[in-house]
PDB file of N, CA and C in Angstrom:
ATOM      1  N   MET A   1      11.196  96.143 109.500  1.00  0.00           N
ATOM      2  CA  MET A   1      10.205  95.132 110.045  1.00  0.00           C
ATOM      3  C   MET A   1       9.144  94.935 108.787  1.00  0.00           C
ATOM      4  N   ASN A   2       8.817  93.688 108.603  1.00  0.00           N
ATOM      5  CA  ASN A   2       7.801  93.236 107.602  1.00  0.00           C
ATOM      6  C   ASN A   2       6.447  93.243 108.234  1.00  0.00           C
ATOM      7  N   ILE A   3       5.555  94.090 107.806  1.00  0.00           N
ATOM      8  CA  ILE A   3       4.291  94.175 108.283  1.00  0.00           C
ATOM      9  C   ILE A   3       3.299  93.883 107.224  1.00  0.00           C
ATOM     10  N   ILE A   4       2.143  93.136 107.636  1.00  0.00           N
ATOM     11  CA  ILE A   4       1.053  92.886 106.746  1.00  0.00           C
ATOM     12  C   ILE A   4      -0.203  93.568 107.285  1.00  0.00           C
ATOM     13  N   ILE A   5      -0.950  94.257 106.435  1.00  0.00           N
ATOM     14  CA  ILE A   5      -2.212  94.811 106.730  1.00  0.00           C
ATOM     15  C   ILE A   5      -3.196  94.103 105.899  1.00  0.00           C
ATOM     16  N   CYS A   6      -4.193  93.474 106.476  1.00  0.00           N
ATOM     17  CA  CYS A   6      -5.289  92.834 105.749  1.00  0.00           C
ATOM     18  C   CYS A   6      -6.660  93.409 106.235  1.00  0.00           C
ATOM     19  N   ASP A   7      -7.354  94.114 105.182  1.00  0.00           N
ATOM     20  CA  ASP A   7      -8.521  94.743 105.554  1.00  0.00           C
ATOM     21  C   ASP A   7      -9.194  94.814 104.127  1.00  0.00           C
ATOM     22  N   ASP A   8     -10.553  94.557 104.129  1.00  0.00           N
ATOM     23  CA  ASP A   8     -11.289  94.648 102.807  1.00  0.00           C
ATOM     24  C   ASP A   8     -11.703  96.019 102.423  1.00  0.00           C
ATOM     25  N   ARG A   9     -11.385  97.028 103.240  1.00  0.00           N
ATOM     26  CA  ARG A   9     -11.669  98.460 102.966  1.00  0.00           C
ATOM     27  C   ARG A   9     -10.324  99.173 102.648  1.00  0.00           C
ATOM     28  N   ILE A  10     -10.244  99.660 101.398  1.00  0.00           N
ATOM     29  CA  ILE A  10      -8.991 100.386 101.023  1.00  0.00           C
ATOM     30  C   ILE A  10      -8.628 101.493 101.864  1.00  0.00           C
ATOM     31  N   ASP A  11      -9.719 102.296 102.095  1.00  0.00           N
ATOM     32  CA  ASP A  11      -9.504 103.508 103.035  1.00  0.00           C
ATOM     33  C   ASP A  11      -8.919 103.168 104.338  1.00  0.00           C
ATOM     34  N   ASP A  12      -9.322 102.136 105.020  1.00  0.00           N
ATOM     35  CA  ASP A  12      -8.757 101.664 106.348  1.00  0.00           C
ATOM     36  C   ASP A  12      -7.395 101.160 106.086  1.00  0.00           C
ATOM     37  N   ARG A  13      -7.164 100.399 105.003  1.00  0.00           N
ATOM     38  CA  ARG A  13      -5.729 100.024 104.827  1.00  0.00           C
ATOM     39  C   ARG A  13      -4.864 101.221 104.634  1.00  0.00           C
ATOM     40  N   ASN A  14      -5.251 102.154 103.779  1.00  0.00           N
ATOM     41  CA  ASN A  14      -4.400 103.337 103.593  1.00  0.00           C
ATOM     42  C   ASN A  14      -4.108 104.097 104.873  1.00  0.00           C
ATOM     43  N   ASN A  15      -5.278 104.237 105.775  1.00  0.00           N
ATOM     44  CA  ASN A  15      -5.101 104.946 106.948  1.00  0.00           C
ATOM     45  C   ASN A  15      -4.076 104.412 107.872  1.00  0.00           C
ATOM     46  N   LEU A  16      -4.145 102.949 108.118  1.00  0.00           N
ATOM     47  CA  LEU A  16      -3.227 102.300 108.926  1.00  0.00           C
ATOM     48  C   LEU A  16      -1.808 102.317 108.407  1.00  0.00           C
ATOM     49  N   SER A  17      -1.704 102.188 107.113  1.00  0.00           N
ATOM     50  CA  SER A  17      -0.373 102.254 106.442  1.00  0.00           C
ATOM     51  C   SER A  17       0.273 103.598 106.599  1.00  0.00           C
ATOM     52  N   ASP A  18      -0.528 104.698 106.512  1.00  0.00           N
ATOM     53  CA  ASP A  18      -0.011 106.037 106.629  1.00  0.00           C
ATOM     54  C   ASP A  18       0.399 106.201 108.148  1.00  0.00           C
ATOM     55  N   LEU A  19      -0.331 105.754 109.012  1.00  0.00           N
ATOM     56  CA  LEU A  19      -0.037 105.874 110.496  1.00  0.00           C
ATOM     57  C   LEU A  19       1.272 105.216 110.722  1.00  0.00           C
ATOM     58  N   LEU A  20       1.397 104.030 110.325  1.00  0.00           N
ATOM     59  CA  LEU A  20       2.672 103.264 110.576  1.00  0.00           C
ATOM     60  C   LEU A  20       3.837 103.836 109.808  1.00  0.00           C
ATOM     61  N   SER A  21       3.659 104.340 108.603  1.00  0.00           N
ATOM     62  CA  SER A  21       4.801 104.977 107.920  1.00  0.00           C
ATOM     63  C   SER A  21       5.118 106.310 108.642  1.00  0.00           C
ATOM     64  N   ASP A  22       4.137 107.052 109.147  1.00  0.00           N
ATOM     65  CA  ASP A  22       4.614 108.228 109.942  1.00  0.00           C
ATOM     66  C   ASP A  22       5.322 107.952 111.175  1.00  0.00           C
ATOM     67  N   TYR A  23       4.838 106.871 111.803  1.00  0.00           N
ATOM     68  CA  TYR A  23       5.443 106.508 113.094  1.00  0.00           C
ATOM     69  C   TYR A  23       6.873 106.078 112.794  1.00  0.00           C
ATOM     70  N   GLY A  24       7.040 105.310 111.689  1.00  0.00           N
ATOM     71  CA  GLY A  24       8.427 104.744 111.316  1.00  0.00           C
ATOM     72  C   GLY A  24       9.391 105.849 111.064  1.00  0.00           C
ATOM     73  N   GLU A  25       8.842 106.955 110.495  1.00  0.00           N
ATOM     74  CA  GLU A  25       9.772 108.138 110.073  1.00  0.00           C
ATOM     75  C   GLU A  25      10.069 108.851 111.407  1.00  0.00           C
ATOM     76  N   LYS A  26       9.094 109.049 112.204  1.00  0.00           N
ATOM     77  CA  LYS A  26       9.576 109.758 113.510  1.00  0.00           C
ATOM     78  C   LYS A  26      10.402 109.047 114.431  1.00  0.00           C
ATOM     79  N   LYS A  27      10.319 107.726 114.423  1.00  0.00           N
ATOM     80  CA  LYS A  27      11.206 106.787 115.307  1.00  0.00           C
ATOM     81  C   LYS A  27      12.344 106.235 114.554  1.00  0.00           C
ATOM     82  N   ASN A  28      12.493 106.635 113.380  1.00  0.00           N
ATOM     83  CA  ASN A  28      13.597 106.175 112.484  1.00  0.00           C
ATOM     84  C   ASN A  28      13.618 104.529 112.298  1.00  0.00           C
ATOM     85  N   TYR A  29      12.342 104.049 112.243  1.00  0.00           N
ATOM     86  CA  TYR A  29      12.266 102.619 111.955  1.00  0.00           C
ATOM     87  C   TYR A  29      11.886 102.426 110.442  1.00  0.00           C
ATOM     88  N   GLU A  30      12.383 101.233 109.975  1.00  0.00           N
ATOM     89  CA  GLU A  30      11.905 100.880 108.544  1.00  0.00           C
ATOM     90  C   GLU A  30      10.979  99.854 108.638  1.00  0.00           C
ATOM     91  N   PHE A  31       9.784 100.103 107.964  1.00  0.00           N
ATOM     92  CA  PHE A  31       8.713  99.172 107.697  1.00  0.00           C
ATOM     93  C   PHE A  31       8.544  98.930 106.254  1.00  0.00           C
ATOM     94  N   ALA A  32       8.386  97.655 105.961  1.00  0.00           N
ATOM     95  CA  ALA A  32       7.956  97.182 104.666  1.00  0.00           C
ATOM     96  C   ALA A  32       6.574  96.691 104.915  1.00  0.00           C
ATOM     97  N   ILE A  33       5.616  97.449 104.302  1.00  0.00           N
ATOM     98  CA  ILE A  33       4.182  97.185 104.474  1.00  0.00           C
ATOM     99  C   ILE A  33       3.583  96.500 103.198  1.00  0.00           C
ATOM    100  N   THR A  34       2.910  95.390 103.499  1.00  0.00           N
ATOM    101  CA  THR A  34       2.173  94.676 102.278  1.00  0.00           C
ATOM    102  C   THR A  34       0.767  94.714 102.677  1.00  0.00           C
ATOM    103  N   GLU A  35      -0.141  94.982 101.790  1.00  0.00           N
ATOM    104  CA  GLU A  35      -1.512  95.008 102.032  1.00  0.00           C
ATOM    105  C   GLU A  35      -2.230  93.980 101.290  1.00  0.00           C
ATOM    106  N   TYR A  36      -3.292  93.401 101.879  1.00  0.00           N
ATOM    107  CA  TYR A  36      -4.092  92.380 101.364  1.00  0.00           C
ATOM    108  C   TYR A  36      -5.695  92.780 101.561  1.00  0.00           C
ATOM    109  N   ASP A  37      -6.537  92.486 100.716  1.00  0.00           N
ATOM    110  CA  ASP A  37      -8.014  92.861 100.929  1.00  0.00           C
ATOM    111  C   ASP A  37      -8.878  91.861 101.229  1.00  0.00           C
ATOM    112  N   SER A  38      -8.243  90.557 101.491  1.00  0.00           N
ATOM    113  CA  SER A  38      -9.185  89.520 102.001  1.00  0.00           C
ATOM    114  C   SER A  38      -8.318  88.489 102.697  1.00  0.00           C
ATOM    115  N   GLY A  39      -9.035  87.724 103.589  1.00  0.00           N
ATOM    116  CA  GLY A  39      -8.400  86.627 104.350  1.00  0.00           C
ATOM    117  C   GLY A  39      -7.855  85.451 103.408  1.00  0.00           C
ATOM    118  N   GLU A  40      -8.834  85.166 102.511  1.00  0.00           N
ATOM    119  CA  GLU A  40      -8.554  84.168 101.493  1.00  0.00           C
ATOM    120  C   GLU A  40      -7.215  84.425 100.828  1.00  0.00           C
ATOM    121  N   GLN A  41      -7.084  85.665 100.279  1.00  0.00           N
ATOM    122  CA  GLN A  41      -5.827  86.035  99.499  1.00  0.00           C
ATOM    123  C   GLN A  41      -4.626  85.924 100.435  1.00  0.00           C
ATOM    124  N   LEU A  42      -4.754  86.427 101.589  1.00  0.00           N
ATOM    125  CA  LEU A  42      -3.685  86.419 102.589  1.00  0.00           C
ATOM    126  C   LEU A  42      -3.142  85.064 102.888  1.00  0.00           C
ATOM    127  N   CYS A  43      -4.128  84.134 103.181  1.00  0.00           N
ATOM    128  CA  CYS A  43      -3.752  82.657 103.543  1.00  0.00           C
ATOM    129  C   CYS A  43      -3.083  81.986 102.506  1.00  0.00           C
ATOM    130  N   GLU A  44      -3.227  82.395 101.210  1.00  0.00           N
ATOM    131  CA  GLU A  44      -2.531  81.787 100.062  1.00  0.00           C
ATOM    132  C   GLU A  44      -1.137  82.298  99.925  1.00  0.00           C
ATOM    133  N   GLU A  45      -0.740  83.390 100.619  1.00  0.00           N
ATOM    134  CA  GLU A  45       0.600  84.017 100.384  1.00  0.00           C
ATOM    135  C   GLU A  45       1.610  83.510 101.541  1.00  0.00           C
ATOM    136  N   GLN A  46       1.985  82.225 101.376  1.00  0.00           N
ATOM    137  CA  GLN A  46       2.874  81.577 102.331  1.00  0.00           C
ATOM    138  C   GLN A  46       4.194  82.386 102.500  1.00  0.00           C
ATOM    139  N   SER A  47       4.897  82.811 101.424  1.00  0.00           N
ATOM    140  CA  SER A  47       6.040  83.405 101.575  1.00  0.00           C
ATOM    141  C   SER A  47       5.983  84.735 102.210  1.00  0.00           C
ATOM    142  N   ALA A  48       4.933  85.422 101.980  1.00  0.00           N
ATOM    143  CA  ALA A  48       4.714  86.741 102.739  1.00  0.00           C
ATOM    144  C   ALA A  48       4.528  86.570 104.227  1.00  0.00           C
ATOM    145  N   LEU A  49       3.753  85.546 104.595  1.00  0.00           N
ATOM    146  CA  LEU A  49       3.459  85.162 105.862  1.00  0.00           C
ATOM    147  C   LEU A  49       4.754  84.659 106.693  1.00  0.00           C
ATOM    148  N   GLU A  50       5.658  83.947 106.010  1.00  0.00           N
ATOM    149  CA  GLU A  50       6.780  83.410 106.588  1.00  0.00           C
ATOM    150  C   GLU A  50       7.666  84.680 106.869  1.00  0.00           C
ATOM    151  N   ALA A  51       7.674  85.736 106.105  1.00  0.00           N
ATOM    152  CA  ALA A  51       8.547  86.918 106.288  1.00  0.00           C
ATOM    153  C   ALA A  51       7.936  87.976 107.271  1.00  0.00           C
ATOM    154  N   CYS A  52       6.607  87.861 107.411  1.00  0.00           N
ATOM    155  CA  CYS A  52       5.962  88.721 108.201  1.00  0.00           C
ATOM    156  C   CYS A  52       6.447  88.660 109.785  1.00  0.00           C
ATOM    157  N   GLN A  53       6.516  89.896 110.251  1.00  0.00           N
ATOM    158  CA  GLN A  53       6.803  90.020 111.648  1.00  0.00           C
ATOM    159  C   GLN A  53       5.750  90.621 112.586  1.00  0.00           C
ATOM    160  N   LEU A  54       4.639  91.305 111.875  1.00  0.00           N
ATOM    161  CA  LEU A  54       3.472  91.838 112.548  1.00  0.00           C
ATOM    162  C   LEU A  54       2.481  91.919 111.624  1.00  0.00           C
ATOM    163  N   LEU A  55       1.306  91.235 112.011  1.00  0.00           N
ATOM    164  CA  LEU A  55       0.109  91.267 111.169  1.00  0.00           C
ATOM    165  C   LEU A  55      -1.014  92.103 111.650  1.00  0.00           C
ATOM    166  N   PHE A  56      -1.629  92.998 110.957  1.00  0.00           N
ATOM    167  CA  PHE A  56      -2.717  93.737 111.406  1.00  0.00           C
ATOM    168  C   PHE A  56      -3.926  93.174 110.576  1.00  0.00           C
ATOM    169  N   LEU A  57      -4.945  92.679 111.200  1.00  0.00           N
ATOM    170  CA  LEU A  57      -5.983  91.937 110.673  1.00  0.00           C
ATOM    171  C   LEU A  57      -7.345  92.431 111.000  1.00  0.00           C
ATOM    172  N   ASP A  58      -8.099  92.946 110.109  1.00  0.00           N
ATOM    173  CA  ASP A  58      -9.526  93.497 110.344  1.00  0.00           C
ATOM    174  C   ASP A  58     -10.396  92.281 110.563  1.00  0.00           C
ATOM    175  N   ILE A  59     -11.159  92.366 111.718  1.00  0.00           N
ATOM    176  CA  ILE A  59     -12.181  91.250 112.095  1.00  0.00           C
ATOM    177  C   ILE A  59     -13.222  91.080 111.062  1.00  0.00           C
ATOM    178  N   ASN A  60     -13.868  92.255 110.747  1.00  0.00           N
ATOM    179  CA  ASN A  60     -15.095  92.196 110.018  1.00  0.00           C
ATOM    180  C   ASN A  60     -14.799  92.393 108.492  1.00  0.00           C
ATOM    181  N   MET A  61     -14.604  91.288 107.808  1.00  0.00           N
ATOM    182  CA  MET A  61     -14.408  91.412 106.307  1.00  0.00           C
ATOM    183  C   MET A  61     -15.338  90.451 105.581  1.00  0.00           C
ATOM    184  N   GLN A  62     -15.551  90.824 104.325  1.00  0.00           N
ATOM    185  CA  GLN A  62     -16.343  90.027 103.454  1.00  0.00           C
ATOM    186  C   GLN A  62     -15.623  88.640 103.262  1.00  0.00           C
ATOM    187  N   GLY A  63     -16.429  87.639 102.956  1.00  0.00           N
ATOM    188  CA  GLY A  63     -15.746  86.278 102.860  1.00  0.00           C
ATOM    189  C   GLY A  63     -15.237  85.731 104.093  1.00  0.00           C
ATOM    190  N   MET A  64     -14.042  85.347 104.155  1.00  0.00           N
ATOM    191  CA  MET A  64     -13.451  84.748 105.391  1.00  0.00           C
ATOM    192  C   MET A  64     -13.138  85.938 106.362  1.00  0.00           C
ATOM    193  N   ASP A  65     -13.845  86.052 107.565  1.00  0.00           N
ATOM    194  CA  ASP A  65     -13.659  87.016 108.457  1.00  0.00           C
ATOM    195  C   ASP A  65     -12.273  87.070 109.092  1.00  0.00           C
ATOM    196  N   GLY A  66     -11.852  88.080 109.837  1.00  0.00           N
ATOM    197  CA  GLY A  66     -10.531  88.133 110.398  1.00  0.00           C
ATOM    198  C   GLY A  66     -10.199  87.051 111.440  1.00  0.00           C
ATOM    199  N   LEU A  67     -11.211  86.705 112.145  1.00  0.00           N
ATOM    200  CA  LEU A  67     -11.071  85.703 113.249  1.00  0.00           C
ATOM    201  C   LEU A  67     -10.743  84.217 112.609  1.00  0.00           C
ATOM    202  N   LYS A  68     -11.514  83.960 111.567  1.00  0.00           N
ATOM    203  CA  LYS A  68     -11.143  82.739 110.873  1.00  0.00           C
ATOM    204  C   LYS A  68      -9.790  82.740 110.211  1.00  0.00           C
ATOM    205  N   THR A  69      -9.406  83.835 109.571  1.00  0.00           N
ATOM    206  CA  THR A  69      -8.171  84.061 108.969  1.00  0.00           C
ATOM    207  C   THR A  69      -7.075  83.891 110.055  1.00  0.00           C
ATOM    208  N   ALA A  70      -7.278  84.551 111.191  1.00  0.00           N
ATOM    209  CA  ALA A  70      -6.206  84.497 112.220  1.00  0.00           C
ATOM    210  C   ALA A  70      -6.055  83.020 112.755  1.00  0.00           C
ATOM    211  N   MET A  71      -7.197  82.311 112.776  1.00  0.00           N
ATOM    212  CA  MET A  71      -7.002  80.995 113.253  1.00  0.00           C
ATOM    213  C   MET A  71      -6.281  80.139 112.292  1.00  0.00           C
ATOM    214  N   ARG A  72      -6.478  80.158 111.050  1.00  0.00           N
ATOM    215  CA  ARG A  72      -5.784  79.540 110.038  1.00  0.00           C
ATOM    216  C   ARG A  72      -4.156  79.850 109.994  1.00  0.00           C
ATOM    217  N   ILE A  73      -4.051  81.138 110.100  1.00  0.00           N
ATOM    218  CA  ILE A  73      -2.606  81.670 110.191  1.00  0.00           C
ATOM    219  C   ILE A  73      -1.876  81.206 111.427  1.00  0.00           C
ATOM    220  N   LYS A  74      -2.593  81.259 112.532  1.00  0.00           N
ATOM    221  CA  LYS A  74      -1.948  80.993 113.748  1.00  0.00           C
ATOM    222  C   LYS A  74      -1.679  79.355 113.942  1.00  0.00           C
ATOM    223  N   GLU A  75      -2.387  78.601 113.116  1.00  0.00           N
ATOM    224  CA  GLU A  75      -2.121  77.135 113.132  1.00  0.00           C
ATOM    225  C   GLU A  75      -0.695  76.781 112.583  1.00  0.00           C
ATOM    226  N   LYS A  76      -0.317  77.594 111.608  1.00  0.00           N
ATOM    227  CA  LYS A  76       0.898  77.377 110.960  1.00  0.00           C
ATOM    228  C   LYS A  76       2.108  78.255 111.464  1.00  0.00           C
ATOM    229  N   TYR A  77       1.681  79.484 112.020  1.00  0.00           N
ATOM    230  CA  TYR A  77       2.653  80.578 112.440  1.00  0.00           C
ATOM    231  C   TYR A  77       2.162  80.948 113.797  1.00  0.00           C
ATOM    232  N   PRO A  78       2.198  80.052 114.811  1.00  0.00           N
ATOM    233  CA  PRO A  78       1.664  80.434 116.171  1.00  0.00           C
ATOM    234  C   PRO A  78       2.404  81.553 116.896  1.00  0.00           C
ATOM    235  N   LYS A  79       3.603  81.940 116.442  1.00  0.00           N
ATOM    236  CA  LYS A  79       4.376  82.938 117.264  1.00  0.00           C
ATOM    237  C   LYS A  79       4.174  84.263 116.506  1.00  0.00           C
ATOM    238  N   LEU A  80       3.605  84.418 115.365  1.00  0.00           N
ATOM    239  CA  LEU A  80       3.359  85.625 114.675  1.00  0.00           C
ATOM    240  C   LEU A  80       2.361  86.513 115.378  1.00  0.00           C
ATOM    241  N   PRO A  81       2.751  87.749 115.797  1.00  0.00           N
ATOM    242  CA  PRO A  81       1.969  88.613 116.583  1.00  0.00           C
ATOM    243  C   PRO A  81       0.796  89.196 115.627  1.00  0.00           C
ATOM    244  N   VAL A  82      -0.416  88.920 116.013  1.00  0.00           N
ATOM    245  CA  VAL A  82      -1.495  89.509 115.317  1.00  0.00           C
ATOM    246  C   VAL A  82      -2.251  90.604 116.077  1.00  0.00           C
ATOM    247  N   VAL A  83      -2.377  91.812 115.422  1.00  0.00           N
ATOM    248  CA  VAL A  83      -3.227  92.858 116.083  1.00  0.00           C
ATOM    249  C   VAL A  83      -4.557  92.851 115.240  1.00  0.00           C
ATOM    250  N   LEU A  84      -5.620  92.540 116.030  1.00  0.00           N
ATOM    251  CA  LEU A  84      -6.883  92.578 115.455  1.00  0.00           C
ATOM    252  C   LEU A  84      -7.370  94.081 115.456  1.00  0.00           C
ATOM    253  N   VAL A  85      -7.985  94.463 114.205  1.00  0.00           N
ATOM    254  CA  VAL A  85      -8.357  95.734 114.008  1.00  0.00           C
ATOM    255  C   VAL A  85      -9.964  95.668 113.854  1.00  0.00           C
ATOM    256  N   THR A  86     -10.663  96.556 114.594  1.00  0.00           N
ATOM    257  CA  THR A  86     -12.126  96.388 114.535  1.00  0.00           C
ATOM    258  C   THR A  86     -12.789  97.710 114.788  1.00  0.00           C
ATOM    259  N   ALA A  87     -13.970  98.106 114.336  1.00  0.00           N
ATOM    260  CA  ALA A  87     -14.670  99.154 114.663  1.00  0.00           C
ATOM    261  C   ALA A  87     -15.708  98.799 115.759  1.00  0.00           C
ATOM    262  N   TYR A  88     -15.667  97.563 116.194  1.00  0.00           N
ATOM    263  CA  TYR A  88     -16.738  97.093 117.186  1.00  0.00           C
ATOM    264  C   TYR A  88     -16.118  96.495 118.290  1.00  0.00           C
ATOM    265  N   MET A  89     -16.258  97.080 119.592  1.00  0.00           N
ATOM    266  CA  MET A  89     -15.585  96.526 120.694  1.00  0.00           C
ATOM    267  C   MET A  89     -16.111  95.111 121.043  1.00  0.00           C
ATOM    268  N   ASN A  90     -17.327  94.836 120.688  1.00  0.00           N
ATOM    269  CA  ASN A  90     -17.971  93.570 121.151  1.00  0.00           C
ATOM    270  C   ASN A  90     -17.171  92.287 120.487  1.00  0.00           C
ATOM    271  N   TYR A  91     -16.310  92.558 119.466  1.00  0.00           N
ATOM    272  CA  TYR A  91     -15.505  91.477 118.958  1.00  0.00           C
ATOM    273  C   TYR A  91     -14.324  91.251 119.780  1.00  0.00           C
ATOM    274  N   ALA A  92     -13.892  92.143 120.586  1.00  0.00           N
ATOM    275  CA  ALA A  92     -12.655  92.075 121.444  1.00  0.00           C
ATOM    276  C   ALA A  92     -12.492  90.658 122.138  1.00  0.00           C
ATOM    277  N   LEU A  93     -13.477  90.196 122.726  1.00  0.00           N
ATOM    278  CA  LEU A  93     -13.438  89.003 123.411  1.00  0.00           C
ATOM    279  C   LEU A  93     -13.017  87.727 122.492  1.00  0.00           C
ATOM    280  N   ASP A  94     -13.542  87.812 121.339  1.00  0.00           N
ATOM    281  CA  ASP A  94     -13.268  86.762 120.372  1.00  0.00           C
ATOM    282  C   ASP A  94     -11.735  86.578 120.007  1.00  0.00           C
ATOM    283  N   GLY A  95     -11.087  87.732 120.302  1.00  0.00           N
ATOM    284  CA  GLY A  95      -9.688  87.786 119.947  1.00  0.00           C
ATOM    285  C   GLY A  95      -8.861  86.879 120.767  1.00  0.00           C
ATOM    286  N   TYR A  96      -9.399  86.567 121.984  1.00  0.00           N
ATOM    287  CA  TYR A  96      -8.715  85.624 122.901  1.00  0.00           C
ATOM    288  C   TYR A  96      -8.590  84.155 122.295  1.00  0.00           C
ATOM    289  N   LYS A  97      -9.606  83.804 121.482  1.00  0.00           N
ATOM    290  CA  LYS A  97      -9.639  82.533 120.864  1.00  0.00           C
ATOM    291  C   LYS A  97      -8.452  82.354 119.921  1.00  0.00           C
ATOM    292  N   VAL A  98      -8.004  83.390 119.295  1.00  0.00           N
ATOM    293  CA  VAL A  98      -6.896  83.342 118.424  1.00  0.00           C
ATOM    294  C   VAL A  98      -5.623  83.758 118.809  1.00  0.00           C
ATOM    295  N   LYS A  99      -5.616  84.069 120.237  1.00  0.00           N
ATOM    296  CA  LYS A  99      -4.456  84.553 120.871  1.00  0.00           C
ATOM    297  C   LYS A  99      -3.839  85.746 120.185  1.00  0.00           C
ATOM    298  N   ALA A 100      -4.795  86.853 119.953  1.00  0.00           N
ATOM    299  CA  ALA A 100      -4.269  88.102 119.468  1.00  0.00           C
ATOM    300  C   ALA A 100      -3.338  88.726 120.414  1.00  0.00           C
ATOM    301  N   SER A 101      -2.398  89.448 119.853  1.00  0.00           N
ATOM    302  CA  SER A 101      -1.363  90.151 120.694  1.00  0.00           C
ATOM    303  C   SER A 101      -2.037  91.435 121.181  1.00  0.00           C
ATOM    304  N   ARG A 102      -2.839  92.161 120.351  1.00  0.00           N
ATOM    305  CA  ARG A 102      -3.472  93.401 120.665  1.00  0.00           C
ATOM    306  C   ARG A 102      -4.652  93.627 119.908  1.00  0.00           C
ATOM    307  N   PHE A 103      -5.418  94.672 120.238  1.00  0.00           N
ATOM    308  CA  PHE A 103      -6.484  95.118 119.479  1.00  0.00           C
ATOM    309  C   PHE A 103      -6.363  96.596 119.175  1.00  0.00           C
ATOM    310  N   LEU A 104      -6.815  97.000 118.115  1.00  0.00           N
ATOM    311  CA  LEU A 104      -6.858  98.320 117.526  1.00  0.00           C
ATOM    312  C   LEU A 104      -8.213  98.746 117.081  1.00  0.00           C
ATOM    313  N   LEU A 105      -8.698  99.838 117.773  1.00  0.00           N
ATOM    314  CA  LEU A 105     -10.013 100.263 117.421  1.00  0.00           C
ATOM    315  C   LEU A 105     -10.067 101.261 116.349  1.00  0.00           C
ATOM    316  N   LYS A 106     -10.904 100.966 115.312  1.00  0.00           N
ATOM    317  CA  LYS A 106     -10.970 101.987 114.295  1.00  0.00           C
ATOM    318  C   LYS A 106     -11.880 103.164 114.630  1.00  0.00           C
ATOM    319  N   ARG A 107     -11.700 104.212 114.001  1.00  0.00           N
ATOM    320  CA  ARG A 107     -12.484 105.389 114.404  1.00  0.00           C
ATOM    321  C   ARG A 107     -13.566 105.522 113.287  1.00  0.00           C
TER     322      ARG A 107
END
């Protein structure tokens, strides 16, 4: 499975990547994980988005935030599952605007 993690904090990207890798090893799933540190950078990577099967997207990022990034991506890839990642529950309702598949709360 091709997974993209987009978060402007390297520690958060690494934590999520490690969690996914550990899960994959336990369940015998293969994940190809690609990381991006900005919504702008991710939106420019059309070939990565075309191959992506699951996107983890931080909501609160510098520059283009995760909600704007999700809106742009969903316009072109409406069936791509997006998991919004946030440390703030008050953003959860905004996820409905971009038809997020799930929410993941950071610790």
